C-alpha atoms as a PDB file:
ATOM      1  CA  MET A   1      -2.579 138.756 108.761  1.00  0.00           C
ATOM      2  CA  SER A   2      -0.866 142.075 109.537  1.00  0.00           C
ATOM      3  CA  ASP A   3       2.051 143.548 107.641  1.00  0.00           C
ATOM      4  CA  ASN A   4       5.284 144.318 109.467  1.00  0.00           C
ATOM      5  CA  TYR A   5       7.897 146.856 108.523  1.00  0.00           C
ATOM      6  CA  ILE A   6      11.311 148.160 109.430  1.00  0.00           C
ATOM      7  CA  THR A   7      11.890 151.832 108.693  1.00  0.00           C
ATOM      8  CA  ILE A   8      15.416 153.178 108.624  1.00  0.00           C
ATOM      9  CA  CYS A   9      15.792 156.931 108.350  1.00  0.00           C
ATOM     10  CA  THR A  10      18.235 159.682 109.210  1.00  0.00           C
ATOM     11  CA  VAL A  11      17.749 161.232 112.637  1.00  0.00           C
ATOM     12  CA  LYS A  12      17.297 164.637 111.004  1.00  0.00           C
ATOM     13  CA  GLU A  13      16.897 166.120 107.547  1.00  0.00           C
ATOM     14  CA  VAL A  14      19.695 165.776 105.003  1.00  0.00           C
ATOM     15  CA  GLU A  15      20.666 167.922 102.044  1.00  0.00           C
ATOM     16  CA  ASN A  16      19.810 166.565  98.598  1.00  0.00           C
ATOM     17  CA  PRO A  17      17.793 163.549  99.772  1.00  0.00           C
ATOM     18  CA  LYS A  18      17.026 162.419  96.213  1.00  0.00           C
ATOM     19  CA  GLU A  19      20.696 162.341  95.259  1.00  0.00           C
ATOM     20  CA  LEU A  20      21.463 160.394  98.436  1.00  0.00           C
ATOM     21  CA  SER A  21      18.651 157.936  97.689  1.00  0.00           C
ATOM     22  CA  GLU A  22      20.100 157.269  94.224  1.00  0.00           C
ATOM     23  CA  LYS A  23      23.491 156.538  95.781  1.00  0.00           C
ATOM     24  CA  ILE A  24      22.075 154.118  98.377  1.00  0.00           C
ATOM     25  CA  LEU A  25      19.752 152.538  95.833  1.00  0.00           C
ATOM     26  CA  LYS A  26      22.659 151.849  93.492  1.00  0.00           C
ATOM     27  CA  TRP A  27      24.628 150.289  96.361  1.00  0.00           C
ATOM     28  CA  LEU A  28      21.718 148.037  97.398  1.00  0.00           C
ATOM     29  CA  GLN A  29      21.153 146.945  93.807  1.00  0.00           C
ATOM     30  CA  SER A  30      24.816 146.352  92.971  1.00  0.00           C
ATOM     31  CA  ASN A  31      25.013 144.040  95.997  1.00  0.00           C
ATOM     32  CA  GLU A  32      21.798 142.306  94.859  1.00  0.00           C
ATOM     33  CA  ILE A  33      20.035 143.090  98.119  1.00  0.00           C
ATOM     34  CA  ILE A  34      17.088 144.439  96.112  1.00  0.00           C
ATOM     35  CA  GLU A  35      16.019 144.107  92.509  1.00  0.00           C
ATOM     36  CA  SER A  36      16.668 146.788  89.892  1.00  0.00           C
ATOM     37  CA  GLU A  37      13.101 147.148  88.647  1.00  0.00           C
ATOM     38  CA  LEU A  38      10.219 148.791  90.473  1.00  0.00           C
ATOM     39  CA  SER A  39       7.112 146.685  91.102  1.00  0.00           C
ATOM     40  CA  TYR A  40       3.943 146.622  93.212  1.00  0.00           C
ATOM     41  CA  CYS A  41       5.491 144.917  96.233  1.00  0.00           C
ATOM     42  CA  ILE A  42       4.910 147.428  99.033  1.00  0.00           C
ATOM     43  CA  LEU A  43       1.827 148.489 100.983  1.00  0.00           C
ATOM     44  CA  SER A  44       0.872 151.359  98.686  1.00  0.00           C
ATOM     45  CA  MET A  45      -1.688 151.842  95.924  1.00  0.00           C
ATOM     46  CA  SER A  46       0.214 154.686  94.276  1.00  0.00           C
ATOM     47  CA  ASN A  47       3.903 153.892  94.747  1.00  0.00           C
ATOM     48  CA  LYS A  48       6.085 150.982  93.760  1.00  0.00           C
ATOM     49  CA  GLY A  49       9.035 149.435  95.570  1.00  0.00           C
ATOM     50  CA  TYR A  50      11.909 147.054  95.035  1.00  0.00           C
ATOM     51  CA  LYS A  51      11.569 143.311  95.682  1.00  0.00           C
ATOM     52  CA  PRO A  52      14.312 141.440  97.578  1.00  0.00           C
ATOM     53  CA  GLY A  53      17.282 140.616  95.347  1.00  0.00           C
ATOM     54  CA  ASN A  54      19.203 137.382  94.926  1.00  0.00           C
ATOM     55  CA  LYS A  55      21.424 138.106  97.937  1.00  0.00           C
ATOM     56  CA  HIS A  56      18.852 139.558 100.341  1.00  0.00           C
ATOM     57  CA  ILE A  57      19.584 136.693 102.748  1.00  0.00           C
ATOM     58  CA  ASP A  58      23.015 138.259 103.337  1.00  0.00           C
ATOM     59  CA  VAL A  59      21.396 141.141 105.241  1.00  0.00           C
ATOM     60  CA  ILE A  60      18.728 139.227 107.165  1.00  0.00           C
ATOM     61  CA  GLY A  61      20.914 136.334 108.263  1.00  0.00           C
ATOM     62  CA  SER A  62      18.179 133.721 107.891  1.00  0.00           C
ATOM     63  CA  ASN A  63      16.773 131.503 105.203  1.00  0.00           C
ATOM     64  CA  GLU A  64      13.199 132.633 105.724  1.00  0.00           C
ATOM     65  CA  ASN A  65      11.259 132.508 102.464  1.00  0.00           C
ATOM     66  CA  ILE A  66      10.033 136.098 102.261  1.00  0.00           C
ATOM     67  CA  LEU A  67       9.759 135.951  98.470  1.00  0.00           C
ATOM     68  CA  ARG A  68       6.449 134.118  98.813  1.00  0.00           C
ATOM     69  CA  LEU A  69       4.844 137.257 100.254  1.00  0.00           C
ATOM     70  CA  LYS A  70       2.871 139.610  98.017  1.00  0.00           C
ATOM     71  CA  VAL A  71       3.840 142.588 100.148  1.00  0.00           C
ATOM     72  CA  CYS A  72       7.614 142.323 100.464  1.00  0.00           C
ATOM     73  CA  GLY A  73       9.864 145.067  99.204  1.00  0.00           C
ATOM     74  CA  VAL A  74      11.756 148.241  99.935  1.00  0.00           C
ATOM     75  CA  GLU A  75      10.127 151.668  99.753  1.00  0.00           C
ATOM     76  CA  ILE A  76      12.245 154.806  99.409  1.00  0.00           C
ATOM     77  CA  LYS A  77      11.150 158.130 100.890  1.00  0.00           C
ATOM     78  CA  THR A  78      12.771 161.455 100.086  1.00  0.00           C
ATOM     79  CA  GLU A  79      10.103 163.890 101.256  1.00  0.00           C
ATOM     80  CA  ARG A  80       9.867 165.586 104.627  1.00  0.00           C
ATOM     81  CA  GLU A  81       7.770 163.583 107.084  1.00  0.00           C
ATOM     82  CA  VAL A  82       7.498 162.551 110.699  1.00  0.00           C
ATOM     83  CA  PHE A  83       8.655 158.968 110.336  1.00  0.00           C
ATOM     84  CA  ASN A  84       6.570 156.401 112.201  1.00  0.00           C
ATOM     85  CA  ALA A  85       4.053 158.959 113.437  1.00  0.00           C
ATOM     86  CA  GLY A  86       1.179 156.799 112.222  1.00  0.00           C
ATOM     87  CA  ALA A  87       2.423 153.500 113.600  1.00  0.00           C
ATOM     88  CA  PHE A  88       0.394 151.468 116.050  1.00  0.00           C
ATOM     89  CA  THR A  89       2.968 152.239 118.707  1.00  0.00           C
ATOM     90  CA  ALA A  90       2.448 154.932 121.274  1.00  0.00           C
ATOM     91  CA  MET A  91       4.999 157.721 121.175  1.00  0.00           C
ATOM     92  CA  THR A  92       7.239 157.304 124.153  1.00  0.00           C
ATOM     93  CA  LYS A  93       9.285 160.491 124.302  1.00  0.00           C
ATOM     94  CA  LEU A  94       9.043 164.168 123.410  1.00  0.00           C
ATOM     95  CA  GLU A  95      11.320 165.919 125.874  1.00  0.00           C
ATOM     96  CA  CYS A  96      10.824 169.650 126.360  1.00  0.00           C
ATOM     97  CA  PRO A  97      13.988 171.645 125.550  1.00  0.00           C
ATOM     98  CA  ASN A  98      13.204 174.064 128.390  1.00  0.00           C
ATOM     99  CA  CYS A  99      12.421 171.904 131.420  1.00  0.00           C
ATOM    100  CA  ILE A 100      13.874 168.613 130.062  1.00  0.00           C
ATOM    101  CA  THR A 101      10.661 166.783 130.981  1.00  0.00           C
ATOM    102  CA  ASP A 102       9.024 164.175 128.774  1.00  0.00           C
ATOM    103  CA  ARG A 103       5.652 165.308 127.424  1.00  0.00           C
ATOM    104  CA  PHE A 104       4.354 161.773 128.013  1.00  0.00           C
ATOM    105  CA  GLU A 105       5.888 161.292 131.452  1.00  0.00           C
ATOM    106  CA  GLY A 106       3.770 158.952 133.551  1.00  0.00           C
ATOM    107  CA  ILE A 107       1.904 157.520 130.534  1.00  0.00           C
ATOM    108  CA  THR A 108       2.791 153.965 129.570  1.00  0.00           C
ATOM    109  CA  PRO A 109       1.930 152.364 126.207  1.00  0.00           C
ATOM    110  CA  GLN A 110      -0.359 150.043 128.201  1.00  0.00           C
ATOM    111  CA  ASP A 111      -2.231 153.053 129.575  1.00  0.00           C
ATOM    112  CA  PHE A 112      -2.592 154.477 126.079  1.00  0.00           C
ATOM    113  CA  PHE A 113      -3.959 151.301 124.492  1.00  0.00           C
ATOM    114  CA  THR A 114      -6.230 150.261 127.381  1.00  0.00           C
ATOM    115  CA  ASP A 115      -8.007 153.611 127.785  1.00  0.00           C
ATOM    116  CA  ASN A 116      -6.399 154.240 131.151  1.00  0.00           C
ATOM    117  CA  CYS A 117      -5.345 157.773 130.236  1.00  0.00           C
ATOM    118  CA  THR A 118      -7.093 160.831 131.600  1.00  0.00           C
ATOM    119  CA  GLU A 119      -8.557 163.377 129.209  1.00  0.00           C
ATOM    120  CA  GLU A 120      -5.622 165.683 129.960  1.00  0.00           C
ATOM    121  CA  GLN A 121      -3.126 162.936 129.177  1.00  0.00           C
ATOM    122  CA  LEU A 122      -4.866 162.073 125.896  1.00  0.00           C
ATOM    123  CA  ASN A 123      -4.748 165.740 124.969  1.00  0.00           C
ATOM    124  CA  ARG A 124      -0.946 165.574 125.181  1.00  0.00           C
ATOM    125  CA  PHE A 125      -1.092 163.135 122.243  1.00  0.00           C
ATOM    126  CA  ASP A 126      -3.944 164.793 120.327  1.00  0.00           C
ATOM    127  CA  THR A 127      -2.267 168.203 120.195  1.00  0.00           C
ATOM    128  CA  VAL A 128       0.914 166.733 118.714  1.00  0.00           C
ATOM    129  CA  PHE A 129      -0.482 165.427 115.427  1.00  0.00           C
ATOM    130  CA  PRO A 130      -1.601 168.791 113.960  1.00  0.00           C
ATOM    131  CA  GLU A 131       1.917 170.099 114.629  1.00  0.00           C
ATOM    132  CA  PHE A 132       3.376 167.066 112.867  1.00  0.00           C
ATOM    133  CA  ASP A 133       1.269 167.975 109.826  1.00  0.00           C
ATOM    134  CA  LYS A 134       2.463 171.572 109.956  1.00  0.00           C
ATOM    135  CA  TRP A 135       6.096 170.529 110.109  1.00  0.00           C
ATOM    136  CA  THR A 136       5.632 168.124 107.179  1.00  0.00           C
ATOM    137  CA  ASN A 137       4.135 171.001 105.162  1.00  0.00           C
ATOM    138  CA  ASN A 138       7.035 173.351 105.997  1.00  0.00           C
ATOM    139  CA  GLU A 139       4.889 175.454 108.299  1.00  0.00           C
ATOM    140  CA  ASN A 140       5.819 176.749 111.731  1.00  0.00           C
ATOM    141  CA  ALA A 141       5.267 173.914 114.214  1.00  0.00           C
ATOM    142  CA  SER A 142       5.514 174.263 117.978  1.00  0.00           C
ATOM    143  CA  LEU A 143       4.241 172.712 121.188  1.00  0.00           C
ATOM    144  CA  ILE A 144       3.403 174.086 124.612  1.00  0.00           C
ATOM    145  CA  CYS A 145       4.914 171.880 127.285  1.00  0.00           C
ATOM    146  CA  PRO A 146       2.237 170.613 129.722  1.00  0.00           C
ATOM    147  CA  HIS A 147       4.811 170.751 132.545  1.00  0.00           C
ATOM    148  CA  CYS A 148       6.528 174.155 132.291  1.00  0.00           C
ATOM    149  CA  LEU A 149       3.916 175.729 129.945  1.00  0.00           C
ATOM    150  CA  LYS A 150       6.606 177.163 127.647  1.00  0.00           C
ATOM    151  CA  GLU A 151       6.276 176.975 123.864  1.00  0.00           C
ATOM    152  CA  SER A 152       9.118 175.529 121.778  1.00  0.00           C
ATOM    153  CA  ASN A 153       9.759 174.645 118.166  1.00  0.00           C
ATOM    154  CA  LEU A 154       8.708 171.067 117.493  1.00  0.00           C
ATOM    155  CA  ILE A 155      12.093 169.862 116.256  1.00  0.00           C
ATOM    156  CA  ASN A 156      13.795 171.185 119.396  1.00  0.00           C
ATOM    157  CA  TYR A 157      12.018 168.481 121.384  1.00  0.00           C
ATOM    158  CA  LYS A 158      14.232 165.469 122.022  1.00  0.00           C
ATOM    159  CA  THR A 159      12.808 162.183 120.762  1.00  0.00           C
ATOM    160  CA  ASP A 160      13.747 158.522 121.019  1.00  0.00           C
ATOM    161  CA  ASN A 161      13.555 155.733 118.458  1.00  0.00           C
ATOM    162  CA  SER A 162       9.765 155.959 118.145  1.00  0.00           C
ATOM    163  CA  ILE A 163       9.740 158.958 115.764  1.00  0.00           C
ATOM    164  CA  ALA A 164      12.142 161.037 113.666  1.00  0.00           C
ATOM    165  CA  PHE A 165      11.825 164.333 111.808  1.00  0.00           C
ATOM    166  CA  SER A 166      13.519 163.547 108.525  1.00  0.00           C
ATOM    167  CA  ASN A 167      13.343 163.677 104.730  1.00  0.00           C
ATOM    168  CA  PHE A 168      15.197 160.474 103.929  1.00  0.00           C
ATOM    169  CA  GLY A 169      14.342 156.895 104.730  1.00  0.00           C
ATOM    170  CA  PHE A 170      13.793 153.320 103.602  1.00  0.00           C
ATOM    171  CA  THR A 171      10.965 151.035 104.661  1.00  0.00           C
ATOM    172  CA  PHE A 172      11.528 147.281 104.429  1.00  0.00           C
ATOM    173  CA  TRP A 173       8.048 145.752 104.174  1.00  0.00           C
ATOM    174  CA  ASN A 174       7.733 142.287 105.754  1.00  0.00           C
ATOM    175  CA  TRP A 175      11.499 141.705 105.956  1.00  0.00           C
ATOM    176  CA  PRO A 176      12.827 139.900 109.060  1.00  0.00           C
ATOM    177  CA  ASP A 177      15.125 141.845 111.355  1.00  0.00           C
ATOM    178  CA  LEU A 178      18.198 143.221 109.598  1.00  0.00           C
ATOM    179  CA  LYS A 179      21.728 142.255 110.618  1.00  0.00           C
ATOM    180  CA  GLU A 180      23.657 144.771 112.697  1.00  0.00           C
ATOM    181  CA  GLU A 181      26.586 144.593 110.261  1.00  0.00           C
ATOM    182  CA  PHE A 182      24.302 145.678 107.426  1.00  0.00           C
ATOM    183  CA  LEU A 183      22.911 148.579 109.458  1.00  0.00           C
ATOM    184  CA  MET A 184      26.417 149.777 110.307  1.00  0.00           C
ATOM    185  CA  GLU A 185      27.449 149.619 106.656  1.00  0.00           C
ATOM    186  CA  LEU A 186      24.278 151.419 105.606  1.00  0.00           C
ATOM    187  CA  LYS A 187      24.944 154.156 108.154  1.00  0.00           C
ATOM    188  CA  ALA A 188      28.476 154.601 106.758  1.00  0.00           C
ATOM    189  CA  LYS A 189      27.117 154.854 103.214  1.00  0.00           C
ATOM    190  CA  ILE A 190      24.493 157.414 104.236  1.00  0.00           C
ATOM    191  CA  GLY A 191      27.103 159.394 106.143  1.00  0.00           C
ATOM    192  CA  THR A 192      25.056 160.415 109.176  1.00  0.00           C
ATOM    193  CA  ASP A 193      23.260 158.923 112.166  1.00  0.00           C
ATOM    194  CA  ILE A 194      20.284 156.718 111.419  1.00  0.00           C
ATOM    195  CA  VAL A 195      17.446 155.280 113.451  1.00  0.00           C
ATOM    196  CA  ARG A 196      15.625 151.967 112.998  1.00  0.00           C
ATOM    197  CA  MET A 197      11.919 151.685 113.760  1.00  0.00           C
ATOM    198  CA  ASN A 198       9.917 148.464 113.795  1.00  0.00           C
ATOM    199  CA  GLY A 199       6.158 148.434 113.455  1.00  0.00           C
ATOM    200  CA  HIS A 200       3.082 146.773 112.001  1.00  0.00           C
ATOM    201  CA  ILE A 201      -0.152 147.712 110.312  1.00  0.00           C
END
């Protein structure tokens, strides 16, 4: 059985991510969406998360018994990372700021997962990941566009909902889809645009 997740993060970095996480955590706990105590309920050997609280059903809108699951909790992230970069979902958009062309233009997720990509097309993916690592480590990260051949800073590339360059996010492990009303309220509490990413491991 695979584990599913919903990651919600800001579309870009925020100031004082740890302070913001404490604010959102307090809000989630005061509304009994998650428990107050940390426990081993997420897919991590080194970190703990927060199990669903007494009123978690209010944000999922269903009576599904997720409490029976060993991996079922909320993980908080306040470090710089490329959110969802390691998901089993092909990146679908990195648009060059110079020529406004998608790096992966002409490559479908089906092509990627069925080995229908050419070596040149696969290289468009392979060259991205080292730059992701550089950005995460606060190093200079850039990409050369395969279309116009101009080099640009990584974060100047336009993305879609498949990845985000951020330092603040929550991952809901094995929760059903979250209600739109909850997401809107969460966005208001965070105070900036957010993105939701679904995936599985």
